[in-house]
Protein backbone atom coordinates (compact mmCIF):
# COMPACT_ATOMS: atom_id res chain seq x y z
CA UNK A 1 109.48 136.26 86.12
CA UNK A 2 110.00 132.50 85.93
CA UNK A 3 107.10 130.27 86.86
CA UNK A 4 107.08 126.80 88.41
CA UNK A 5 105.89 125.48 85.06
CA UNK A 6 108.88 127.12 83.35
CA UNK A 7 111.22 125.45 85.82
CA UNK A 8 109.66 122.06 85.13
CA UNK A 9 109.70 122.50 81.35
CA UNK A 10 113.33 123.69 81.38
CA UNK A 11 114.58 120.66 83.23
CA UNK A 12 117.62 119.09 81.65
CA UNK A 13 118.44 115.41 81.15
CA UNK A 14 118.55 114.94 84.93
CA UNK A 15 114.76 115.17 84.87
CA UNK A 16 114.69 111.78 83.16
CA UNK A 17 116.98 110.00 85.60
CA UNK A 18 115.56 106.97 87.38
CA UNK A 19 116.07 105.83 90.95
CA UNK A 20 117.81 102.65 89.86
CA UNK A 21 120.12 104.55 87.50
CA UNK A 22 121.14 107.03 90.21
CA UNK A 23 121.70 104.25 92.74
CA UNK A 24 123.82 102.26 90.24
CA UNK A 25 125.89 105.36 89.55
CA UNK A 26 126.72 105.78 93.26
CA UNK A 27 127.21 102.07 93.80
CA UNK A 28 129.57 101.81 90.80
CA UNK A 29 131.72 104.68 92.07
CA UNK A 30 132.09 103.04 95.48
CA UNK A 31 132.86 99.56 94.14
CA UNK A 32 135.27 100.62 91.37
CA UNK A 33 137.60 102.62 93.61
CA UNK A 34 140.03 100.15 95.21
CA UNK A 35 141.26 102.86 97.59
CA UNK A 36 137.79 103.02 99.19
CA UNK A 37 138.02 99.49 100.60
CA UNK A 38 138.64 100.93 104.06
CA UNK A 39 135.41 102.92 103.88
CA UNK A 40 132.16 101.18 104.81
CA UNK A 41 129.08 101.49 102.64
CA UNK A 42 127.41 103.26 105.53
CA UNK A 43 130.16 105.90 105.70
CA UNK A 44 129.99 106.35 101.93
CA UNK A 45 126.21 106.79 102.13
CA UNK A 46 126.63 109.42 104.84
CA UNK A 47 128.88 111.42 102.52
CA UNK A 48 126.39 111.10 99.68
CA UNK A 49 123.88 112.68 102.08
CA UNK A 50 126.28 115.52 102.93
CA UNK A 51 127.08 116.26 99.28
CA UNK A 52 123.44 116.07 98.19
CA UNK A 53 122.42 118.50 100.91
CA UNK A 54 125.18 120.97 100.04
CA UNK A 55 124.68 120.72 96.26
CA UNK A 56 120.88 121.08 96.43
CA UNK A 57 121.25 123.94 98.90
CA UNK A 58 123.64 125.67 96.49
CA UNK A 59 121.37 125.13 93.47
CA UNK A 60 118.31 126.47 95.24
CA UNK A 61 120.24 129.58 96.26
CA UNK A 62 121.05 130.19 92.57
CA UNK A 63 117.40 130.33 91.52
CA UNK A 64 115.89 133.63 90.48
CA UNK A 65 112.76 135.45 91.45
CA UNK A 66 110.22 133.90 93.78
CA UNK A 67 111.98 130.51 93.66
CA UNK A 68 115.26 131.81 95.13
CA UNK A 69 116.10 130.51 98.59
CA UNK A 70 118.84 131.86 100.88
CA UNK A 71 121.47 129.14 101.42
CA UNK A 72 121.56 127.12 104.62
CA UNK A 73 125.33 126.61 104.37
CA UNK A 74 127.68 129.62 104.35
CA UNK A 75 127.67 131.40 100.99
CA UNK A 76 130.13 129.90 98.52
CA UNK A 77 130.50 126.59 100.41
CA UNK A 78 129.87 124.34 97.43
CA UNK A 79 132.14 126.19 94.93
CA UNK A 80 134.93 126.16 97.51
CA UNK A 81 134.65 122.36 97.83
CA UNK A 82 134.73 121.97 94.04
CA UNK A 83 137.93 124.01 93.74
CA UNK A 84 139.73 122.52 96.75
CA UNK A 85 141.78 119.33 96.85
CA UNK A 86 143.92 117.25 99.16
CA UNK A 87 144.50 118.81 102.58
CA UNK A 88 142.60 121.94 101.57
CA UNK A 89 139.51 119.89 100.75
CA UNK A 90 139.80 117.96 104.00
CA UNK A 91 140.16 121.20 105.97
CA UNK A 92 137.27 122.90 104.16
CA UNK A 93 134.89 119.96 104.57
CA UNK A 94 135.83 119.40 108.22
CA UNK A 95 135.20 123.04 109.05
CA UNK A 96 131.91 123.10 107.16
CA UNK A 97 130.66 119.96 108.92
CA UNK A 98 131.60 121.33 112.33
CA UNK A 99 129.82 124.65 111.67
CA UNK A 100 126.63 123.13 110.28
CA UNK A 101 126.51 120.43 112.97
CA UNK A 102 126.35 122.91 115.86
CA UNK A 103 122.87 123.68 117.21
CA UNK A 104 122.14 127.35 116.62
CA UNK A 105 118.92 128.58 118.28
CA UNK A 106 119.50 132.01 116.75
CA UNK A 107 119.24 130.54 113.26
CA UNK A 108 116.25 128.13 113.08
CA UNK A 109 116.86 127.67 109.35
CA UNK A 110 119.87 125.52 110.27
CA UNK A 111 117.93 123.17 112.55
CA UNK A 112 117.79 120.33 110.00
CA UNK A 113 121.45 120.80 109.06
CA UNK A 114 122.42 120.50 112.74
CA UNK A 115 120.80 117.03 112.84
CA UNK A 116 122.33 115.94 109.53
CA UNK A 117 125.89 117.09 110.33
CA UNK A 118 125.92 116.50 114.11
CA UNK A 119 129.00 114.49 115.17
CA UNK A 120 129.80 113.92 111.49
CA UNK A 121 133.18 112.51 110.63
CA UNK A 122 134.89 113.72 107.44
CA UNK A 123 136.13 111.50 104.65
CA UNK A 124 139.51 109.89 105.55
CA UNK A 125 142.33 112.37 104.92
CA UNK A 126 144.34 109.83 102.90
CA UNK A 127 141.45 109.31 100.44
CA UNK A 128 140.67 112.93 99.58
CA UNK A 129 141.52 112.37 95.92
CA UNK A 130 138.53 110.03 95.64
CA UNK A 131 136.28 112.50 97.43
CA UNK A 132 137.45 115.21 95.03
CA UNK A 133 136.54 112.99 92.07
CA UNK A 134 133.16 112.22 93.62
CA UNK A 135 132.45 115.95 93.94
CA UNK A 136 133.82 117.04 90.55
CA UNK A 137 132.70 114.07 88.42
CA UNK A 138 129.49 112.82 90.01
CA UNK A 139 127.90 115.87 91.65
CA UNK A 140 129.06 119.24 90.37
CA UNK A 141 128.33 118.80 86.62
CA UNK A 142 124.66 117.99 87.20
CA UNK A 143 121.55 119.87 88.34
CA UNK A 144 120.31 117.61 91.09
CA UNK A 145 117.32 119.85 91.74
CA UNK A 146 116.04 118.84 88.27
CA UNK A 147 115.84 115.16 89.29
CA UNK A 148 112.31 114.11 90.09
CA UNK A 149 111.80 114.06 93.84
CA UNK A 150 110.38 110.54 93.96
CA UNK A 151 113.29 109.16 91.91
CA UNK A 152 115.97 110.87 93.98
CA UNK A 153 114.32 109.81 97.23
CA UNK A 154 113.97 106.22 96.07
CA UNK A 155 117.62 106.19 94.93
CA UNK A 156 118.78 107.27 98.38
CA UNK A 157 116.54 104.64 99.99
CA UNK A 158 118.13 102.00 97.75
CA UNK A 159 121.57 103.19 98.84
CA UNK A 160 120.57 102.80 102.49
CA UNK A 161 119.21 99.32 101.80
CA UNK A 162 122.59 98.47 100.26
CA UNK A 163 124.11 99.23 103.69
CA UNK A 164 122.14 96.37 105.24
CA UNK A 165 125.22 94.51 106.49
CA UNK A 166 126.77 97.64 108.03
CA UNK A 167 123.53 98.59 109.77
CA UNK A 168 123.06 95.04 111.02
CA UNK A 169 126.56 95.21 112.53
CA UNK A 170 125.42 98.06 114.80
CA UNK A 171 124.26 95.52 117.36
CA UNK A 172 124.94 97.78 120.32
CA UNK A 173 121.85 99.81 119.39
CA UNK A 174 119.87 96.89 117.92
CA UNK A 175 119.52 98.40 114.44
CA UNK A 176 118.08 96.54 111.47
CA UNK A 177 116.06 97.52 108.43
CA UNK A 178 112.29 97.00 108.44
CA UNK A 179 111.02 95.86 105.02
CA UNK A 180 109.46 98.92 103.30
CA UNK A 181 106.60 96.89 101.79
CA UNK A 182 105.53 95.75 105.26
CA UNK A 183 105.49 99.34 106.49
CA UNK A 184 103.36 100.30 103.48
CA UNK A 185 100.87 97.61 104.49
CA UNK A 186 100.86 98.85 108.09
CA UNK A 187 100.24 102.43 106.95
CA UNK A 188 97.26 101.20 104.92
CA UNK A 189 95.94 99.14 107.84
CA UNK A 190 96.06 102.19 110.10
CA UNK A 191 94.03 104.10 107.46
CA UNK A 192 96.35 107.11 107.68
CA UNK A 193 95.02 110.34 106.15
CA UNK A 194 96.52 113.84 105.67
CA UNK A 195 94.77 114.89 108.89
CA UNK A 196 96.87 112.46 110.94
CA UNK A 197 100.10 113.22 112.78
CA UNK A 198 102.42 110.20 112.71
CA UNK A 199 105.27 109.61 115.16
CA UNK A 200 108.01 106.96 115.37
CA UNK A 201 109.90 106.85 118.68
CA UNK A 202 112.68 104.58 117.32
CA UNK A 203 112.78 105.87 113.78
CA UNK A 204 115.89 104.09 112.43
CA UNK A 205 116.37 105.22 108.81
CA UNK A 206 112.92 106.80 108.59
CA UNK A 207 111.17 104.21 106.42
CA UNK A 208 108.06 104.16 108.62
CA UNK A 209 107.56 107.92 108.25
CA UNK A 210 108.05 107.74 104.48
CA UNK A 211 105.41 104.99 104.23
CA UNK A 212 103.02 107.11 106.31
CA UNK A 213 103.67 110.20 104.17
CA UNK A 214 103.01 108.28 100.96
CA UNK A 215 99.74 106.98 102.35
CA UNK A 216 98.75 110.55 103.19
CA UNK A 217 99.76 111.83 99.75
CA UNK A 218 97.68 109.08 98.10
CA UNK A 219 94.59 110.98 99.25
CA UNK A 220 95.61 113.95 97.11
CA UNK A 221 96.42 117.47 98.16
CA UNK A 222 99.26 118.90 100.21
CA UNK A 223 100.65 117.04 103.21
CA UNK A 224 101.58 119.33 106.09
CA UNK A 225 105.24 119.45 107.12
CA UNK A 226 104.27 118.63 110.71
CA UNK A 227 102.49 115.43 109.64
CA UNK A 228 105.45 113.12 110.40
CA UNK A 229 108.13 113.19 113.09
CA UNK A 230 110.54 110.77 114.68
CA UNK A 231 113.44 110.31 117.07
CA UNK A 232 116.32 107.90 117.55
CA UNK A 233 119.15 107.60 120.04
CA UNK A 234 121.66 106.66 117.30
CA UNK A 235 123.19 109.78 115.71
CA UNK A 236 124.08 107.92 112.51
CA UNK A 237 120.51 106.69 112.06
CA UNK A 238 119.20 110.21 112.69
CA UNK A 239 121.47 111.46 109.92
CA UNK A 240 120.32 108.88 107.39
CA UNK A 241 116.67 109.20 108.41
CA UNK A 242 116.79 112.98 108.05
CA UNK A 243 118.07 112.86 104.47
CA UNK A 244 115.82 109.92 103.62
CA UNK A 245 112.73 111.81 104.77
CA UNK A 246 113.80 115.10 103.15
CA UNK A 247 114.34 113.51 99.74
CA UNK A 248 111.27 111.26 99.82
CA UNK A 249 108.78 113.84 101.07
CA UNK A 250 110.03 117.09 99.58
CA UNK A 251 110.35 118.69 102.99
CA UNK A 252 112.24 121.99 102.89
CA UNK A 253 115.84 122.08 104.14
CA UNK A 254 115.09 125.09 106.38
CA UNK A 255 112.00 123.49 107.98
CA UNK A 256 111.53 122.06 111.48
CA UNK A 257 113.65 118.87 111.69
CA UNK A 258 111.57 115.76 110.94
CA UNK A 259 114.01 113.71 113.06
CA UNK A 260 115.54 114.49 116.45
CA UNK A 261 118.30 112.67 118.25
CA UNK A 262 116.71 111.71 121.57
CA UNK A 263 116.25 108.83 123.97
CA UNK A 264 112.49 108.38 123.77
CA UNK A 265 112.42 106.43 127.04
CA UNK A 266 114.22 109.13 128.99
CA UNK A 267 111.23 111.23 129.97
CA UNK A 268 107.54 110.89 130.62
CA UNK A 269 106.86 114.12 128.78
CA UNK A 270 104.15 113.62 126.16
CA UNK A 271 105.83 111.90 123.28
CA UNK A 272 104.77 114.13 120.43
CA UNK A 273 105.50 117.45 122.15
CA UNK A 274 109.18 116.57 121.96
CA UNK A 275 109.06 116.23 118.18
CA UNK A 276 106.59 118.80 116.87
CA UNK A 277 105.44 121.87 118.73
CA UNK A 278 102.04 121.31 120.36
CA UNK A 279 100.87 118.94 117.62
CA UNK A 280 99.06 115.93 119.06
CA UNK A 281 99.98 112.54 117.60
CA UNK A 282 97.14 110.50 116.18
CA UNK A 283 99.21 107.55 114.91
CA UNK A 284 102.41 105.82 115.96
CA UNK A 285 104.39 103.25 113.98
CA UNK A 286 107.40 101.91 115.85
CA UNK A 287 109.85 99.04 115.47
CA UNK A 288 112.05 99.37 118.59
CA UNK A 289 115.40 97.59 119.03
CA UNK A 290 114.92 93.93 119.93
CA UNK A 291 117.59 94.02 122.60
CA UNK A 292 116.95 92.19 125.87
CA UNK A 293 120.23 93.07 127.57
CA UNK A 294 120.17 96.86 127.14
CA UNK A 295 119.52 98.86 130.28
CA UNK A 296 117.37 101.86 129.41
CA UNK A 297 117.51 104.98 131.58
CA UNK A 298 114.10 104.86 133.27
CA UNK A 299 114.99 106.61 136.53
CA UNK A 300 112.51 109.39 135.77
CA UNK A 301 109.78 107.04 134.60
CA UNK A 302 107.63 106.69 137.68
CA UNK A 303 104.71 106.57 135.26
CA UNK A 304 105.80 103.17 133.92
CA UNK A 305 103.58 100.19 134.68
CA UNK A 306 106.64 98.01 135.33
CA UNK A 307 110.34 98.55 135.95
CA UNK A 308 113.31 96.43 134.83
CA UNK A 309 111.64 95.47 131.55
CA UNK A 310 113.42 94.66 128.31
CA UNK A 311 114.01 97.44 125.80
CA UNK A 312 111.13 96.50 123.45
CA UNK A 313 108.75 96.05 126.41
CA UNK A 314 109.75 99.50 127.68
CA UNK A 315 108.96 101.03 124.30
CA UNK A 316 105.57 99.32 124.32
CA UNK A 317 104.59 100.77 127.71
CA UNK A 318 106.13 104.15 126.87
CA UNK A 319 103.96 104.47 123.76
CA UNK A 320 100.82 103.18 125.44
CA UNK A 321 101.25 105.62 128.33
CA UNK A 322 102.34 108.79 126.49
CA UNK A 323 100.06 108.67 123.44
CA UNK A 324 96.92 110.81 123.68
CA UNK A 325 93.57 109.10 123.97
CA UNK A 326 92.26 107.86 120.63
CA UNK A 327 95.68 107.56 118.99
CA UNK A 328 96.22 104.47 116.83
CA UNK A 329 99.38 102.39 117.14
CA UNK A 330 101.26 99.62 115.35
CA UNK A 331 104.25 98.43 117.40
CA UNK A 332 106.64 95.63 116.49
CA UNK A 333 107.39 93.20 119.32
CA UNK A 334 109.50 90.04 119.65
CA UNK A 335 107.71 86.90 120.79
CA UNK A 336 109.19 87.13 124.29
CA UNK A 337 107.27 90.30 125.12
CA UNK A 338 104.06 88.33 124.44
CA UNK A 339 104.67 85.57 127.00
CA UNK A 340 107.54 86.38 129.38
CA UNK A 341 106.57 86.59 133.05
CA UNK A 342 107.41 89.37 135.49
CA UNK A 343 107.49 92.93 134.15
CA UNK A 344 106.39 91.84 130.66
CA UNK A 345 103.23 90.26 132.11
CA UNK A 346 102.51 93.42 134.11
CA UNK A 347 102.81 95.51 130.96
CA UNK A 348 100.54 93.20 128.95
CA UNK A 349 97.90 93.30 131.68
CA UNK A 350 97.94 97.11 131.83
CA UNK A 351 97.96 97.34 128.04
CA UNK A 352 94.81 95.24 127.70
CA UNK A 353 93.08 97.29 130.39
CA UNK A 354 94.06 100.76 129.16
CA UNK A 355 94.14 100.26 125.39
CA UNK A 356 91.96 98.52 122.83
CA UNK A 357 94.43 95.86 121.67
CA UNK A 358 92.41 94.64 118.70
CA UNK A 359 94.87 92.93 116.34
CA UNK A 360 98.03 90.83 116.57
CA UNK A 361 99.92 90.18 113.32
CA UNK A 362 102.37 87.29 113.64
CA UNK A 363 105.11 87.94 111.10
CA UNK A 364 107.05 85.37 109.06
CA UNK A 365 109.83 83.68 111.01
CA UNK A 366 113.28 85.02 110.14
CA UNK A 367 111.87 88.01 108.29
CA UNK A 368 114.51 90.27 109.79
CA UNK A 369 117.65 88.91 108.18
CA UNK A 370 120.33 87.61 110.50
CA UNK A 371 118.25 87.84 113.67
CA UNK A 372 116.39 84.52 113.56
CA UNK A 373 113.81 86.12 115.83
CA UNK A 374 110.07 85.71 115.71
CA UNK A 375 108.36 89.05 115.57
CA UNK A 376 104.87 90.49 115.68
CA UNK A 377 102.96 93.72 115.20
CA UNK A 378 100.53 94.78 117.92
CA UNK A 379 97.76 97.09 116.72
CA UNK A 380 95.98 99.03 119.44
CA UNK A 381 94.07 102.25 120.11
CA UNK A 382 94.85 104.31 123.21
CA UNK A 383 91.86 104.27 125.52
CA UNK A 384 91.16 104.34 129.24
CA UNK A 385 90.04 101.85 131.84
CA UNK A 386 86.25 101.81 131.82
CA UNK A 387 84.34 103.21 134.84
CA UNK A 388 82.94 99.76 135.69
CA UNK A 389 86.47 98.31 135.75
CA UNK A 390 86.13 96.41 132.46
CA UNK A 391 89.26 96.41 130.27
CA UNK A 392 89.36 98.61 127.17
CA UNK A 393 90.06 95.51 125.04
CA UNK A 394 86.83 93.73 124.07
CA UNK A 395 88.16 91.28 121.50
CA UNK A 396 91.53 90.51 119.96
CA UNK A 397 92.07 89.14 116.44
CA UNK A 398 95.19 87.16 115.53
CA UNK A 399 96.47 86.93 111.95
CA UNK A 400 99.20 84.31 111.50
CA UNK A 401 101.68 84.76 108.64
CA UNK A 402 104.40 82.62 110.21
CA UNK A 403 104.45 80.04 107.43
CA UNK A 404 105.36 82.53 104.67
CA UNK A 405 109.09 82.12 105.47
CA UNK A 406 110.44 85.33 104.06
CA UNK A 407 113.77 87.05 104.69
CA UNK A 408 114.80 90.53 103.62
CA UNK A 409 117.35 89.20 101.11
CA UNK A 410 116.76 85.80 99.52
CA UNK A 411 112.97 85.95 99.56
CA UNK A 412 111.89 89.52 100.36
CA UNK A 413 108.37 90.50 101.29
CA UNK A 414 106.01 92.19 98.86
CA UNK A 415 102.75 94.02 99.44
CA UNK A 416 100.96 91.18 97.70
CA UNK A 417 102.08 88.80 100.47
CA UNK A 418 99.89 90.80 102.87
CA UNK A 419 96.96 91.50 100.58
CA UNK A 420 94.95 88.84 102.42
CA UNK A 421 95.83 90.41 105.77
CA UNK A 422 94.67 93.85 104.64
CA UNK A 423 91.44 92.41 103.33
CA UNK A 424 90.83 90.65 106.64
CA UNK A 425 91.87 93.68 108.72
CA UNK A 426 89.32 95.91 106.92
CA UNK A 427 90.96 99.30 107.51
CA UNK A 428 88.60 102.26 107.64
CA UNK A 429 85.48 100.13 107.15
CA UNK A 430 83.09 98.80 109.77
CA UNK A 431 86.04 97.67 111.85
CA UNK A 432 85.96 94.56 114.01
CA UNK A 433 82.26 93.99 113.35
CA UNK A 434 82.95 93.39 109.67
CA UNK A 435 85.76 90.88 110.18
CA UNK A 436 85.46 87.21 109.32
CA UNK A 437 87.47 84.33 110.73
CA UNK A 438 89.59 82.19 108.42
CA UNK A 439 92.38 79.64 108.65
CA UNK A 440 94.80 82.50 109.30
CA UNK A 441 92.57 84.91 111.17
CA UNK A 442 91.15 83.99 114.58
CA UNK A 443 88.93 85.98 116.94
CA UNK A 444 89.41 85.93 120.69
CA UNK A 445 86.15 87.30 122.11
CA UNK A 446 85.39 89.15 125.35
CA UNK A 447 85.32 85.98 127.43
CA UNK A 448 88.67 84.91 125.99
CA UNK A 449 90.18 88.29 126.81
CA UNK A 450 88.89 88.05 130.41
CA UNK A 451 90.43 84.61 130.77
CA UNK A 452 93.75 85.92 129.49
CA UNK A 453 93.63 88.82 131.97
CA UNK A 454 92.75 86.54 134.87
CA UNK A 455 95.46 84.00 134.07
CA UNK A 456 98.72 84.16 136.00
CA UNK A 457 100.87 85.04 133.00
CA UNK A 458 98.44 87.12 130.87
CA UNK A 459 100.07 85.51 127.84
CA UNK A 460 99.39 86.97 124.39
CA UNK A 461 101.24 84.14 122.67
CA UNK A 462 98.05 83.43 120.75
CA UNK A 463 97.58 81.29 117.67
CA UNK A 464 95.32 81.33 114.67
CA UNK A 465 93.89 78.14 113.18
CA UNK A 466 96.88 77.19 111.05
CA UNK A 467 99.35 74.63 112.40
CA UNK A 468 102.33 76.26 114.04
CA UNK A 469 105.40 76.04 111.81
CA UNK A 470 108.80 74.71 112.77
CA UNK A 471 112.17 76.37 112.66
CA UNK A 472 113.71 73.84 110.29
CA UNK A 473 112.57 76.09 107.45
CA UNK A 474 114.75 78.94 108.70
CA UNK A 475 118.04 79.49 106.86
CA UNK A 476 120.74 77.60 108.87
CA UNK A 477 123.03 80.62 108.51
CA UNK A 478 120.47 82.78 110.32
CA UNK A 479 120.20 80.20 113.13
CA UNK A 480 123.99 80.07 113.47
CA UNK A 481 124.29 83.87 113.48
CA UNK A 482 121.52 84.13 116.07
CA UNK A 483 123.43 81.71 118.32
CA UNK A 484 126.58 83.82 117.92
CA UNK A 485 124.63 86.97 118.79
CA UNK A 486 123.13 85.42 121.92
CA UNK A 487 126.54 84.12 123.03
CA UNK A 488 127.93 87.63 122.57
CA UNK A 489 125.07 89.09 124.61
CA UNK A 490 125.66 86.51 127.34
CA UNK A 491 129.37 87.28 127.40
CA UNK A 492 128.69 91.00 127.82
CA UNK A 493 126.19 90.29 130.60
CA UNK A 494 128.67 88.11 132.49
CA UNK A 495 131.32 90.81 132.03
CA UNK A 496 129.02 93.29 133.77
CA UNK A 497 128.65 90.84 136.67
CA UNK A 498 132.43 90.31 136.81
CA UNK A 499 133.10 94.07 136.79
CA UNK A 500 130.64 94.61 139.62
CA UNK A 501 132.33 91.90 141.73
CA UNK A 502 135.72 93.47 141.27
């Protein structure tokens, strides 16, 4: 009988492939086929995900002995795609996508496939010759299960990053890519261990969960399949996130889906129970859409502290309310949520009272390419209002990285850029008591917090000691694009008003 060691030793040349080499192979195929000009990089990446799933599923079904695994797709699916062409290939792939994309409670082994293939659109019928070449030349001749998991996962992550422009164009759902190195830093700051259960309520392409999983794996030993879970309202993001997490974590294709398509704001049901059965979340990392003009469905949210809030503010109160006591959170927020009046102020006041909001990280201006927005990360621990009425927040530390002036393209972030922040944050050590103020790191003590709470606006637009930077350092193209975006948002808002009048 074959052993795992035998399988590793018998790996072919694919076992030596690198992430960059795999990514370049896919990128070269896309860019050197003139007939694919009508296909977006995002659509091409989706089909890479489909083919990888089907090919790996086929290879695992061909194993012998204890390593054999019944296929998720119907038997013979991959060979039939290899042999088909033209209309036959289009028909075969369309039928396969439709079958795998249907939820099937009677077959829980297909749960992940139903997320990956849900509402999937097949390759354009007039470009099936290129799809045939992609299958026959780039996938079928190779044993993809021999490729090292970390290399294959990183290659797929690089392919997603190459879709930056296409993802940024999905403005209706407020999608953009969070720099992976920043999420790695956040995972370290939260001191995530294999005992944690990490949730992302607006998971995007799954980078936050991958960073959390890697931090868990760094402790050694096996990481439980239920350790990470996420949801997103965008079916395309759910698809990419599912494959991204599968490839980067080694999660089994027949497992419980790591990603669900869901509107996280739609119900007051405990957040984590919607993602993983009866497993309590201990950590949340979330970068919600920074959309101020999106109306979330909050009709059933009588638990909310405030109604008619912006989308990011709604995510903030949703997480603070639904997380179990003691859970640790890192939530990205635009500047406006820190100082706007009305519902935002109500949410901030309740947050300070019911959670220990201990750290505010002010991120570099323009870090999210093409948004021009100023963003932050709020670190807090879910708590309760104290019996004597005192707020759960005793002191709040502000770390200001605004003057770093990074973007995700021309001057991307690295972990080293936040080494000083991690050292100041002191994850897993003596906590706030061991922190020291510096030019970037300022402490707001109990009296300061009380003053903030008693002020009319409860503003958290707090500074460190460094001089506030000016926007003239921001790329002019980002400023111009931001203006265009805001004009578009304003136009859509006025159209709603006009429609209601007529």
